[in-house]
Amino acid sequence: MNVYDCIKSLCDEKGIAVTALEKELGFGRGSIGKLKKGGSTTADRLRKIADFFGVSVADLMTNNVSSYDPDLQYINDVWQLLSDTDKLEIITLIQLKVKKYDRKEMRISG
C-alpha cells in the first residue's frame, strides 16, 4: 500500500472522495491523485492531510494508520482553534492527570 492508497482508505472510512479532500484542504484537483502514479508532494501537504485525519505524518507515510477515529478528529479540529496559552494549559492539565494516574498504578502494583 502506497501513500495514495492510505489516503484513499482514510477518505473511504470518512465517507469523502479524494477530490473532496483536495478541495477541503485547498489543493489543486488531482494533486493527491498523482501520488497513485508515483508522484510526489510536499511535507506541508502531507502534514495537512495527516492533521485532517487525526494521524501523524509518519503513520501516513508508513501506512501505519488505524481506522478513522471521529473523537480524535474532533480533538484535532478544536486544538487548531485554541490559542497557544490555551494549548499550554491543556498540556499542563494532561501532564498532571498522567502523573496522578502513574502514582495510582505504582500503588496498585507495588
PDB file of N, CA and C in Angstrom:
ATOM      1  N   MET A   1       0.854  -1.180   0.000  1.00  0.00           N
ATOM      2  CA  MET A   1       0.000   0.000   0.000  1.00  0.00           C
ATOM      3  C   MET A   1       0.893   1.235   0.000  1.00  0.00           C
ATOM      4  N   ASN A   2       0.676   2.127  -0.972  1.00  0.00           N
ATOM      5  CA  ASN A   2       1.456   3.360  -1.017  1.00  0.00           C
ATOM      6  C   ASN A   2       0.703   4.484  -0.306  1.00  0.00           C
ATOM      7  N   VAL A   3       1.284   5.673  -0.286  1.00  0.00           N
ATOM      8  CA  VAL A   3       0.686   6.808   0.423  1.00  0.00           C
ATOM      9  C   VAL A   3      -0.702   7.116  -0.141  1.00  0.00           C
ATOM     10  N   TYR A   4      -0.839   7.068  -1.458  1.00  0.00           N
ATOM     11  CA  TYR A   4      -2.148   7.335  -2.053  1.00  0.00           C
ATOM     12  C   TYR A   4      -3.185   6.341  -1.541  1.00  0.00           C
ATOM     13  N   ASP A   5      -2.835   5.061  -1.532  1.00  0.00           N
ATOM     14  CA  ASP A   5      -3.780   4.038  -1.071  1.00  0.00           C
ATOM     15  C   ASP A   5      -4.198   4.279   0.379  1.00  0.00           C
ATOM     16  N   CYS A   6      -3.243   4.711   1.185  1.00  0.00           N
ATOM     17  CA  CYS A   6      -3.524   5.012   2.582  1.00  0.00           C
ATOM     18  C   CYS A   6      -4.496   6.193   2.680  1.00  0.00           C
ATOM     19  N   ILE A   7      -4.242   7.243   1.921  1.00  0.00           N
ATOM     20  CA  ILE A   7      -5.120   8.413   1.922  1.00  0.00           C
ATOM     21  C   ILE A   7      -6.506   8.031   1.410  1.00  0.00           C
ATOM     22  N   LYS A   8      -6.556   7.255   0.348  1.00  0.00           N
ATOM     23  CA  LYS A   8      -7.832   6.814  -0.227  1.00  0.00           C
ATOM     24  C   LYS A   8      -8.615   6.001   0.786  1.00  0.00           C
ATOM     25  N   SER A   9      -7.933   5.122   1.498  1.00  0.00           N
ATOM     26  CA  SER A   9      -8.584   4.306   2.517  1.00  0.00           C
ATOM     27  C   SER A   9      -9.170   5.183   3.629  1.00  0.00           C
ATOM     28  N   LEU A  10      -8.404   6.177   4.066  1.00  0.00           N
ATOM     29  CA  LEU A  10      -8.895   7.094   5.098  1.00  0.00           C
ATOM     30  C   LEU A  10     -10.088   7.899   4.588  1.00  0.00           C
ATOM     31  N   CYS A  11     -10.030   8.319   3.329  1.00  0.00           N
ATOM     32  CA  CYS A  11     -11.162   9.032   2.728  1.00  0.00           C
ATOM     33  C   CYS A  11     -12.404   8.141   2.702  1.00  0.00           C
ATOM     34  N   ASP A  12     -12.222   6.897   2.293  1.00  0.00           N
ATOM     35  CA  ASP A  12     -13.345   5.956   2.242  1.00  0.00           C
ATOM     36  C   ASP A  12     -13.973   5.776   3.621  1.00  0.00           C
ATOM     37  N   GLU A  13     -13.125   5.630   4.643  1.00  0.00           N
ATOM     38  CA  GLU A  13     -13.628   5.454   6.003  1.00  0.00           C
ATOM     39  C   GLU A  13     -14.401   6.677   6.479  1.00  0.00           C
ATOM     40  N   LYS A  14     -13.984   7.857   6.028  1.00  0.00           N
ATOM     41  CA  LYS A  14     -14.651   9.086   6.441  1.00  0.00           C
ATOM     42  C   LYS A  14     -15.831   9.421   5.524  1.00  0.00           C
ATOM     43  N   GLY A  15     -15.938   8.695   4.420  1.00  0.00           N
ATOM     44  CA  GLY A  15     -17.058   8.908   3.509  1.00  0.00           C
ATOM     45  C   GLY A  15     -16.907  10.105   2.597  1.00  0.00           C
ATOM     46  N   ILE A  16     -15.670  10.433   2.245  1.00  0.00           N
ATOM     47  CA  ILE A  16     -15.435  11.541   1.318  1.00  0.00           C
ATOM     48  C   ILE A  16     -14.571  11.070   0.150  1.00  0.00           C
ATOM     49  N   ALA A  17     -14.706  11.738  -0.960  1.00  0.00           N
ATOM     50  CA  ALA A  17     -13.884  11.425  -2.126  1.00  0.00           C
ATOM     51  C   ALA A  17     -12.524  12.111  -1.992  1.00  0.00           C
ATOM     52  N   VAL A  18     -11.525  11.561  -2.647  1.00  0.00           N
ATOM     53  CA  VAL A  18     -10.196  12.176  -2.647  1.00  0.00           C
ATOM     54  C   VAL A  18     -10.279  13.591  -3.201  1.00  0.00           C
ATOM     55  N   THR A  19     -11.095  13.795  -4.232  1.00  0.00           N
ATOM     56  CA  THR A  19     -11.232  15.133  -4.813  1.00  0.00           C
ATOM     57  C   THR A  19     -11.857  16.111  -3.809  1.00  0.00           C
ATOM     58  N   ALA A  20     -12.765  15.606  -2.961  1.00  0.00           N
ATOM     59  CA  ALA A  20     -13.357  16.458  -1.917  1.00  0.00           C
ATOM     60  C   ALA A  20     -12.310  16.833  -0.878  1.00  0.00           C
ATOM     61  N   LEU A  21     -11.414  15.897  -0.563  1.00  0.00           N
ATOM     62  CA  LEU A  21     -10.323  16.185   0.366  1.00  0.00           C
ATOM     63  C   LEU A  21      -9.415  17.262  -0.208  1.00  0.00           C
ATOM     64  N   GLU A  22      -9.075  17.122  -1.498  1.00  0.00           N
ATOM     65  CA  GLU A  22      -8.239  18.131  -2.153  1.00  0.00           C
ATOM     66  C   GLU A  22      -8.875  19.508  -2.051  1.00  0.00           C
ATOM     67  N   LYS A  23     -10.164  19.575  -2.313  1.00  0.00           N
ATOM     68  CA  LYS A  23     -10.870  20.857  -2.256  1.00  0.00           C
ATOM     69  C   LYS A  23     -10.901  21.393  -0.828  1.00  0.00           C
ATOM     70  N   GLU A  24     -11.191  20.530   0.139  1.00  0.00           N
ATOM     71  CA  GLU A  24     -11.253  20.930   1.550  1.00  0.00           C
ATOM     72  C   GLU A  24      -9.928  21.513   2.030  1.00  0.00           C
ATOM     73  N   LEU A  25      -8.832  20.932   1.567  1.00  0.00           N
ATOM     74  CA  LEU A  25      -7.503  21.370   2.012  1.00  0.00           C
ATOM     75  C   LEU A  25      -6.909  22.473   1.131  1.00  0.00           C
ATOM     76  N   GLY A  26      -7.628  22.848   0.083  1.00  0.00           N
ATOM     77  CA  GLY A  26      -7.144  23.916  -0.793  1.00  0.00           C
ATOM     78  C   GLY A  26      -6.070  23.465  -1.771  1.00  0.00           C
ATOM     79  N   PHE A  27      -6.041  22.169  -2.072  1.00  0.00           N
ATOM     80  CA  PHE A  27      -5.075  21.628  -3.029  1.00  0.00           C
ATOM     81  C   PHE A  27      -5.698  21.670  -4.428  1.00  0.00           C
ATOM     82  N   GLY A  28      -4.848  21.705  -5.427  1.00  0.00           N
ATOM     83  CA  GLY A  28      -5.331  21.632  -6.796  1.00  0.00           C
ATOM     84  C   GLY A  28      -5.929  20.264  -7.093  1.00  0.00           C
ATOM     85  N   ARG A  29      -6.906  20.239  -7.981  1.00  0.00           N
ATOM     86  CA  ARG A  29      -7.552  18.973  -8.345  1.00  0.00           C
ATOM     87  C   ARG A  29      -6.514  18.023  -8.950  1.00  0.00           C
ATOM     88  N   GLY A  30      -6.497  16.811  -8.454  1.00  0.00           N
ATOM     89  CA  GLY A  30      -5.568  15.802  -8.954  1.00  0.00           C
ATOM     90  C   GLY A  30      -4.229  15.777  -8.246  1.00  0.00           C
ATOM     91  N   SER A  31      -4.009  16.705  -7.309  1.00  0.00           N
ATOM     92  CA  SER A  31      -2.706  16.767  -6.644  1.00  0.00           C
ATOM     93  C   SER A  31      -2.461  15.556  -5.747  1.00  0.00           C
ATOM     94  N   ILE A  32      -3.508  15.014  -5.152  1.00  0.00           N
ATOM     95  CA  ILE A  32      -3.345  13.786  -4.360  1.00  0.00           C
ATOM     96  C   ILE A  32      -3.355  12.580  -5.288  1.00  0.00           C
ATOM     97  N   GLY A  33      -4.195  12.644  -6.320  1.00  0.00           N
ATOM     98  CA  GLY A  33      -4.280  11.550  -7.279  1.00  0.00           C
ATOM     99  C   GLY A  33      -2.960  11.222  -7.951  1.00  0.00           C
ATOM    100  N   LYS A  34      -2.117  12.241  -8.127  1.00  0.00           N
ATOM    101  CA  LYS A  34      -0.831  11.979  -8.791  1.00  0.00           C
ATOM    102  C   LYS A  34       0.069  11.071  -7.946  1.00  0.00           C
ATOM    103  N   LEU A  35      -0.212  10.983  -6.645  1.00  0.00           N
ATOM    104  CA  LEU A  35       0.568  10.089  -5.783  1.00  0.00           C
ATOM    105  C   LEU A  35       0.334   8.631  -6.165  1.00  0.00           C
ATOM    106  N   LYS A  36      -0.824   8.358  -6.729  1.00  0.00           N
ATOM    107  CA  LYS A  36      -1.161   6.992  -7.143  1.00  0.00           C
ATOM    108  C   LYS A  36      -0.187   6.496  -8.206  1.00  0.00           C
ATOM    109  N   LYS A  37       0.293   7.418  -9.017  1.00  0.00           N
ATOM    110  CA  LYS A  37       1.196   7.066 -10.116  1.00  0.00           C
ATOM    111  C   LYS A  37       2.660   7.308  -9.754  1.00  0.00           C
ATOM    112  N   GLY A  38       2.939   7.438  -8.456  1.00  0.00           N
ATOM    113  CA  GLY A  38       4.319   7.620  -8.021  1.00  0.00           C
ATOM    114  C   GLY A  38       4.765   9.061  -7.939  1.00  0.00           C
ATOM    115  N   GLY A  39       3.839  10.003  -8.084  1.00  0.00           N
ATOM    116  CA  GLY A  39       4.181  11.417  -7.972  1.00  0.00           C
ATOM    117  C   GLY A  39       4.584  11.777  -6.548  1.00  0.00           C
ATOM    118  N   SER A  40       5.036  12.990  -6.373  1.00  0.00           N
ATOM    119  CA  SER A  40       5.476  13.426  -5.047  1.00  0.00           C
ATOM    120  C   SER A  40       4.630  14.603  -4.573  1.00  0.00           C
ATOM    121  N   THR A  41       4.767  14.923  -3.312  1.00  0.00           N
ATOM    122  CA  THR A  41       4.083  16.065  -2.721  1.00  0.00           C
ATOM    123  C   THR A  41       4.996  16.690  -1.682  1.00  0.00           C
ATOM    124  N   THR A  42       4.572  17.771  -1.103  1.00  0.00           N
ATOM    125  CA  THR A  42       5.408  18.453  -0.108  1.00  0.00           C
ATOM    126  C   THR A  42       5.113  17.931   1.295  1.00  0.00           C
ATOM    127  N   ALA A  43       6.059  18.165   2.192  1.00  0.00           N
ATOM    128  CA  ALA A  43       5.881  17.789   3.591  1.00  0.00           C
ATOM    129  C   ALA A  43       4.706  18.553   4.199  1.00  0.00           C
ATOM    130  N   ASP A  44       4.533  19.799   3.794  1.00  0.00           N
ATOM    131  CA  ASP A  44       3.426  20.602   4.312  1.00  0.00           C
ATOM    132  C   ASP A  44       2.082  20.005   3.918  1.00  0.00           C
ATOM    133  N   ARG A  45       1.977  19.548   2.690  1.00  0.00           N
ATOM    134  CA  ARG A  45       0.720  18.928   2.253  1.00  0.00           C
ATOM    135  C   ARG A  45       0.463  17.621   3.001  1.00  0.00           C
ATOM    136  N   LEU A  46       1.506  16.840   3.212  1.00  0.00           N
ATOM    137  CA  LEU A  46       1.333  15.602   3.975  1.00  0.00           C
ATOM    138  C   LEU A  46       0.880  15.908   5.404  1.00  0.00           C
ATOM    139  N   ARG A  47       1.426  16.975   5.978  1.00  0.00           N
ATOM    140  CA  ARG A  47       1.022  17.360   7.332  1.00  0.00           C
ATOM    141  C   ARG A  47      -0.440  17.761   7.358  1.00  0.00           C
ATOM    142  N   LYS A  48      -0.875  18.518   6.355  1.00  0.00           N
ATOM    143  CA  LYS A  48      -2.281  18.936   6.294  1.00  0.00           C
ATOM    144  C   LYS A  48      -3.206  17.735   6.152  1.00  0.00           C
ATOM    145  N   ILE A  49      -2.806  16.772   5.329  1.00  0.00           N
ATOM    146  CA  ILE A  49      -3.611  15.561   5.157  1.00  0.00           C
ATOM    147  C   ILE A  49      -3.661  14.776   6.465  1.00  0.00           C
ATOM    148  N   ALA A  50      -2.501  14.588   7.088  1.00  0.00           N
ATOM    149  CA  ALA A  50      -2.441  13.849   8.356  1.00  0.00           C
ATOM    150  C   ALA A  50      -3.279  14.548   9.421  1.00  0.00           C
ATOM    151  N   ASP A  51      -3.159  15.860   9.531  1.00  0.00           N
ATOM    152  CA  ASP A  51      -3.950  16.618  10.506  1.00  0.00           C
ATOM    153  C   ASP A  51      -5.444  16.453  10.249  1.00  0.00           C
ATOM    154  N   PHE A  52      -5.826  16.476   8.997  1.00  0.00           N
ATOM    155  CA  PHE A  52      -7.236  16.340   8.640  1.00  0.00           C
ATOM    156  C   PHE A  52      -7.808  15.029   9.177  1.00  0.00           C
ATOM    157  N   PHE A  53      -7.017  13.961   9.083  1.00  0.00           N
ATOM    158  CA  PHE A  53      -7.488  12.646   9.518  1.00  0.00           C
ATOM    159  C   PHE A  53      -7.124  12.325  10.972  1.00  0.00           C
ATOM    160  N   GLY A  54      -6.377  13.215  11.619  1.00  0.00           N
ATOM    161  CA  GLY A  54      -6.004  12.970  13.007  1.00  0.00           C
ATOM    162  C   GLY A  54      -4.971  11.872  13.167  1.00  0.00           C
ATOM    163  N   VAL A  55      -4.078  11.765  12.195  1.00  0.00           N
ATOM    164  CA  VAL A  55      -2.990  10.787  12.256  1.00  0.00           C
ATOM    165  C   VAL A  55      -1.663  11.533  12.123  1.00  0.00           C
ATOM    166  N   SER A  56      -0.565  10.863  12.397  1.00  0.00           N
ATOM    167  CA  SER A  56       0.734  11.509  12.235  1.00  0.00           C
ATOM    168  C   SER A  56       1.214  11.359  10.793  1.00  0.00           C
ATOM    169  N   VAL A  57       2.095  12.242  10.388  1.00  0.00           N
ATOM    170  CA  VAL A  57       2.685  12.140   9.047  1.00  0.00           C
ATOM    171  C   VAL A  57       3.466  10.837   8.931  1.00  0.00           C
ATOM    172  N   ALA A  58       4.178  10.479   9.987  1.00  0.00           N
ATOM    173  CA  ALA A  58       4.955   9.232   9.963  1.00  0.00           C
ATOM    174  C   ALA A  58       4.042   8.034   9.724  1.00  0.00           C
ATOM    175  N   ASP A  59       2.917   8.009  10.414  1.00  0.00           N
ATOM    176  CA  ASP A  59       1.982   6.898  10.228  1.00  0.00           C
ATOM    177  C   ASP A  59       1.388   6.913   8.820  1.00  0.00           C
ATOM    178  N   LEU A  60       1.124   8.085   8.308  1.00  0.00           N
ATOM    179  CA  LEU A  60       0.600   8.212   6.947  1.00  0.00           C
ATOM    180  C   LEU A  60       1.619   7.685   5.938  1.00  0.00           C
ATOM    181  N   MET A  61       2.873   8.038   6.139  1.00  0.00           N
ATOM    182  CA  MET A  61       3.935   7.622   5.215  1.00  0.00           C
ATOM    183  C   MET A  61       4.229   6.123   5.288  1.00  0.00           C
ATOM    184  N   THR A  62       4.062   5.548   6.462  1.00  0.00           N
ATOM    185  CA  THR A  62       4.364   4.123   6.632  1.00  0.00           C
ATOM    186  C   THR A  62       3.107   3.265   6.572  1.00  0.00           C
ATOM    187  N   ASN A  63       1.984   3.912   6.249  1.00  0.00           N
ATOM    188  CA  ASN A  63       0.704   3.209   6.168  1.00  0.00           C
ATOM    189  C   ASN A  63       0.355   2.508   7.470  1.00  0.00           C
ATOM    190  N   ASN A  64       0.749   3.132   8.548  1.00  0.00           N
ATOM    191  CA  ASN A  64       0.515   2.572   9.879  1.00  0.00           C
ATOM    192  C   ASN A  64      -0.641   3.314  10.555  1.00  0.00           C
ATOM    193  N   VAL A  65      -1.735   3.458   9.820  1.00  0.00           N
ATOM    194  CA  VAL A  65      -2.882   4.173  10.370  1.00  0.00           C
ATOM    195  C   VAL A  65      -4.001   3.197  10.648  1.00  0.00           C
ATOM    196  N   SER A  66      -4.564   3.343  11.822  1.00  0.00           N
ATOM    197  CA  SER A  66      -5.732   2.541  12.130  1.00  0.00           C
ATOM    198  C   SER A  66      -6.939   3.277  11.566  1.00  0.00           C
ATOM    199  N   SER A  67      -8.073   2.718  11.773  1.00  0.00           N
ATOM    200  CA  SER A  67      -9.264   3.319  11.193  1.00  0.00           C
ATOM    201  C   SER A  67      -9.507   4.721  11.738  1.00  0.00           C
ATOM    202  N   TYR A  68     -10.215   5.483  10.976  1.00  0.00           N
ATOM    203  CA  TYR A  68     -10.556   6.858  11.307  1.00  0.00           C
ATOM    204  C   TYR A  68     -11.281   6.901  12.645  1.00  0.00           C
ATOM    205  N   ASP A  69     -10.866   7.808  13.507  1.00  0.00           N
ATOM    206  CA  ASP A  69     -11.490   7.966  14.818  1.00  0.00           C
ATOM    207  C   ASP A  69     -12.102   9.361  14.899  1.00  0.00           C
ATOM    208  N   PRO A  70     -13.432   9.450  14.871  1.00  0.00           N
ATOM    209  CA  PRO A  70     -14.061  10.775  14.879  1.00  0.00           C
ATOM    210  C   PRO A  70     -13.761  11.571  16.140  1.00  0.00           C
ATOM    211  N   ASP A  71     -13.543  10.899  17.272  1.00  0.00           N
ATOM    212  CA  ASP A  71     -13.203  11.617  18.505  1.00  0.00           C
ATOM    213  C   ASP A  71     -11.845  12.301  18.374  1.00  0.00           C
ATOM    214  N   LEU A  72     -10.870  11.585  17.811  1.00  0.00           N
ATOM    215  CA  LEU A  72      -9.557  12.189  17.609  1.00  0.00           C
ATOM    216  C   LEU A  72      -9.631  13.324  16.594  1.00  0.00           C
ATOM    217  N   GLN A  73     -10.459  13.161  15.588  1.00  0.00           N
ATOM    218  CA  GLN A  73     -10.622  14.228  14.607  1.00  0.00           C
ATOM    219  C   GLN A  73     -11.219  15.468  15.262  1.00  0.00           C
ATOM    220  N   TYR A  74     -12.206  15.274  16.133  1.00  0.00           N
ATOM    221  CA  TYR A  74     -12.824  16.402  16.843  1.00  0.00           C
ATOM    222  C   TYR A  74     -11.781  17.115  17.709  1.00  0.00           C
ATOM    223  N   ILE A  75     -10.996  16.325  18.449  1.00  0.00           N
ATOM    224  CA  ILE A  75      -9.958  16.913  19.296  1.00  0.00           C
ATOM    225  C   ILE A  75      -8.977  17.715  18.445  1.00  0.00           C
ATOM    226  N   ASN A  76      -8.586  17.161  17.311  1.00  0.00           N
ATOM    227  CA  ASN A  76      -7.661  17.857  16.420  1.00  0.00           C
ATOM    228  C   ASN A  76      -8.280  19.147  15.884  1.00  0.00           C
ATOM    229  N   ASP A  77      -9.549  19.095  15.506  1.00  0.00           N
ATOM    230  CA  ASP A  77     -10.220  20.289  14.987  1.00  0.00           C
ATOM    231  C   ASP A  77     -10.266  21.395  16.043  1.00  0.00           C
ATOM    232  N   VAL A  78     -10.623  21.019  17.274  1.00  0.00           N
ATOM    233  CA  VAL A  78     -10.693  22.004  18.357  1.00  0.00           C
ATOM    234  C   VAL A  78      -9.306  22.546  18.672  1.00  0.00           C
ATOM    235  N   TRP A  79      -8.315  21.665  18.695  1.00  0.00           N
ATOM    236  CA  TRP A  79      -6.928  22.054  19.010  1.00  0.00           C
ATOM    237  C   TRP A  79      -6.456  23.156  18.073  1.00  0.00           C
ATOM    238  N   GLN A  80      -6.820  23.036  16.794  1.00  0.00           N
ATOM    239  CA  GLN A  80      -6.403  24.023  15.799  1.00  0.00           C
ATOM    240  C   GLN A  80      -6.973  25.416  16.085  1.00  0.00           C
ATOM    241  N   LEU A  81      -8.079  25.477  16.822  1.00  0.00           N
ATOM    242  CA  LEU A  81      -8.734  26.755  17.115  1.00  0.00           C
ATOM    243  C   LEU A  81      -8.212  27.422  18.382  1.00  0.00           C
ATOM    244  N   LEU A  82      -7.495  26.667  19.208  1.00  0.00           N
ATOM    245  CA  LEU A  82      -7.046  27.180  20.501  1.00  0.00           C
ATOM    246  C   LEU A  82      -5.843  28.116  20.373  1.00  0.00           C
ATOM    247  N   SER A  83      -5.756  29.033  21.314  1.00  0.00           N
ATOM    248  CA  SER A  83      -4.576  29.899  21.390  1.00  0.00           C
ATOM    249  C   SER A  83      -3.423  29.089  21.982  1.00  0.00           C
ATOM    250  N   ASP A  84      -2.210  29.588  21.830  1.00  0.00           N
ATOM    251  CA  ASP A  84      -1.046  28.914  22.408  1.00  0.00           C
ATOM    252  C   ASP A  84      -1.170  28.824  23.932  1.00  0.00           C
ATOM    253  N   THR A  85      -1.733  29.842  24.550  1.00  0.00           N
ATOM    254  CA  THR A  85      -1.922  29.844  26.001  1.00  0.00           C
ATOM    255  C   THR A  85      -2.884  28.732  26.414  1.00  0.00           C
ATOM    256  N   ASP A  86      -3.990  28.606  25.695  1.00  0.00           N
ATOM    257  CA  ASP A  86      -4.955  27.547  25.997  1.00  0.00           C
ATOM    258  C   ASP A  86      -4.333  26.164  25.801  1.00  0.00           C
ATOM    259  N   LYS A  87      -3.544  26.012  24.739  1.00  0.00           N
ATOM    260  CA  LYS A  87      -2.888  24.733  24.487  1.00  0.00           C
ATOM    261  C   LYS A  87      -1.946  24.379  25.634  1.00  0.00           C
ATOM    262  N   LEU A  88      -1.192  25.360  26.119  1.00  0.00           N
ATOM    263  CA  LEU A  88      -0.275  25.123  27.226  1.00  0.00           C
ATOM    264  C   LEU A  88      -1.031  24.708  28.489  1.00  0.00           C
ATOM    265  N   GLU A  89      -2.160  25.354  28.761  1.00  0.00           N
ATOM    266  CA  GLU A  89      -2.979  24.991  29.915  1.00  0.00           C
ATOM    267  C   GLU A  89      -3.462  23.550  29.814  1.00  0.00           C
ATOM    268  N   ILE A  90      -3.916  23.156  28.644  1.00  0.00           N
ATOM    269  CA  ILE A  90      -4.423  21.795  28.446  1.00  0.00           C
ATOM    270  C   ILE A  90      -3.292  20.779  28.592  1.00  0.00           C
ATOM    271  N   ILE A  91      -2.147  21.076  28.037  1.00  0.00           N
ATOM    272  CA  ILE A  91      -0.998  20.170  28.167  1.00  0.00           C
ATOM    273  C   ILE A  91      -0.623  20.006  29.636  1.00  0.00           C
ATOM    274  N   THR A  92      -0.633  21.093  30.379  1.00  0.00           N
ATOM    275  CA  THR A  92      -0.315  21.042  31.803  1.00  0.00           C
ATOM    276  C   THR A  92      -1.319  20.168  32.549  1.00  0.00           C
ATOM    277  N   LEU A  93      -2.603  20.331  32.254  1.00  0.00           N
ATOM    278  CA  LEU A  93      -3.638  19.506  32.892  1.00  0.00           C
ATOM    279  C   LEU A  93      -3.451  18.026  32.567  1.00  0.00           C
ATOM    280  N   ILE A  94      -3.152  17.737  31.319  1.00  0.00           N
ATOM    281  CA  ILE A  94      -2.929  16.341  30.920  1.00  0.00           C
ATOM    282  C   ILE A  94      -1.731  15.765  31.665  1.00  0.00           C
ATOM    283  N   GLN A  95      -0.656  16.542  31.765  1.00  0.00           N
ATOM    284  CA  GLN A  95       0.530  16.064  32.475  1.00  0.00           C
ATOM    285  C   GLN A  95       0.214  15.774  33.939  1.00  0.00           C
ATOM    286  N   LEU A  96      -0.593  16.621  34.563  1.00  0.00           N
ATOM    287  CA  LEU A  96      -0.985  16.390  35.956  1.00  0.00           C
ATOM    288  C   LEU A  96      -1.813  15.116  36.083  1.00  0.00           C
ATOM    289  N   LYS A  97      -2.740  14.895  35.164  1.00  0.00           N
ATOM    290  CA  LYS A  97      -3.560  13.684  35.189  1.00  0.00           C
ATOM    291  C   LYS A  97      -2.711  12.442  34.987  1.00  0.00           C
ATOM    292  N   VAL A  98      -1.757  12.509  34.084  1.00  0.00           N
ATOM    293  CA  VAL A  98      -0.899  11.356  33.819  1.00  0.00           C
ATOM    294  C   VAL A  98      -0.065  11.029  35.051  1.00  0.00           C
ATOM    295  N   LYS A  99       0.489  12.046  35.708  1.00  0.00           N
ATOM    296  CA  LYS A  99       1.273  11.816  36.927  1.00  0.00           C
ATOM    297  C   LYS A  99       0.407  11.186  38.005  1.00  0.00           C
ATOM    298  N   LYS A 100      -0.821  11.675  38.160  1.00  0.00           N
ATOM    299  CA  LYS A 100      -1.739  11.130  39.146  1.00  0.00           C
ATOM    300  C   LYS A 100      -2.039   9.674  38.824  1.00  0.00           C
ATOM    301  N   TYR A 101      -2.275   9.371  37.573  1.00  0.00           N
ATOM    302  CA  TYR A 101      -2.558   8.004  37.138  1.00  0.00           C
ATOM    303  C   TYR A 101      -1.350   7.107  37.382  1.00  0.00           C
ATOM    304  N   ASP A 102      -0.156   7.599  37.044  1.00  0.00           N
ATOM    305  CA  ASP A 102       1.064   6.819  37.250  1.00  0.00           C
ATOM    306  C   ASP A 102       1.256   6.489  38.725  1.00  0.00           C
ATOM    307  N   ARG A 103       0.983   7.443  39.608  1.00  0.00           N
ATOM    308  CA  ARG A 103       1.124   7.192  41.042  1.00  0.00           C
ATOM    309  C   ARG A 103       0.137   6.123  41.500  1.00  0.00           C
ATOM    310  N   LYS A 104      -1.081   6.167  41.008  1.00  0.00           N
ATOM    311  CA  LYS A 104      -2.074   5.156  41.363  1.00  0.00           C
ATOM    312  C   LYS A 104      -1.636   3.782  40.895  1.00  0.00           C
ATOM    313  N   GLU A 105      -1.107   3.716  39.667  1.00  0.00           N
ATOM    314  CA  GLU A 105      -0.638   2.441  39.135  1.00  0.00           C
ATOM    315  C   GLU A 105       0.508   1.894  39.982  1.00  0.00           C
ATOM    316  N   MET A 106       1.401   2.772  40.433  1.00  0.00           N
ATOM    317  CA  MET A 106       2.534   2.333  41.226  1.00  0.00           C
ATOM    318  C   MET A 106       2.042   1.758  42.557  1.00  0.00           C
ATOM    319  N   ARG A 107       1.025   2.342  43.158  1.00  0.00           N
ATOM    320  CA  ARG A 107       0.500   1.824  44.419  1.00  0.00           C
ATOM    321  C   ARG A 107      -0.188   0.496  44.225  1.00  0.00           C
ATOM    322  N   ILE A 108      -0.904   0.352  43.137  1.00  0.00           N
ATOM    323  CA  ILE A 108      -1.631  -0.895  42.889  1.00  0.00           C
ATOM    324  C   ILE A 108      -0.666  -2.043  42.666  1.00  0.00           C
ATOM    325  N   SER A 109       0.350  -1.789  41.842  1.00  0.00           N
ATOM    326  CA  SER A 109       1.277  -2.869  41.504  1.00  0.00           C
ATOM    327  C   SER A 109       2.394  -3.019  42.521  1.00  0.00           C
ATOM    328  N   GLY A 110       2.570  -2.052  43.406  1.00  0.00           N
ATOM    329  CA  GLY A 110       3.710  -2.088  44.309  1.00  0.00           C
ATOM    330  C   GLY A 110       3.455  -2.617  45.633  1.00  0.00           C
TER     331      GLY A 110
END
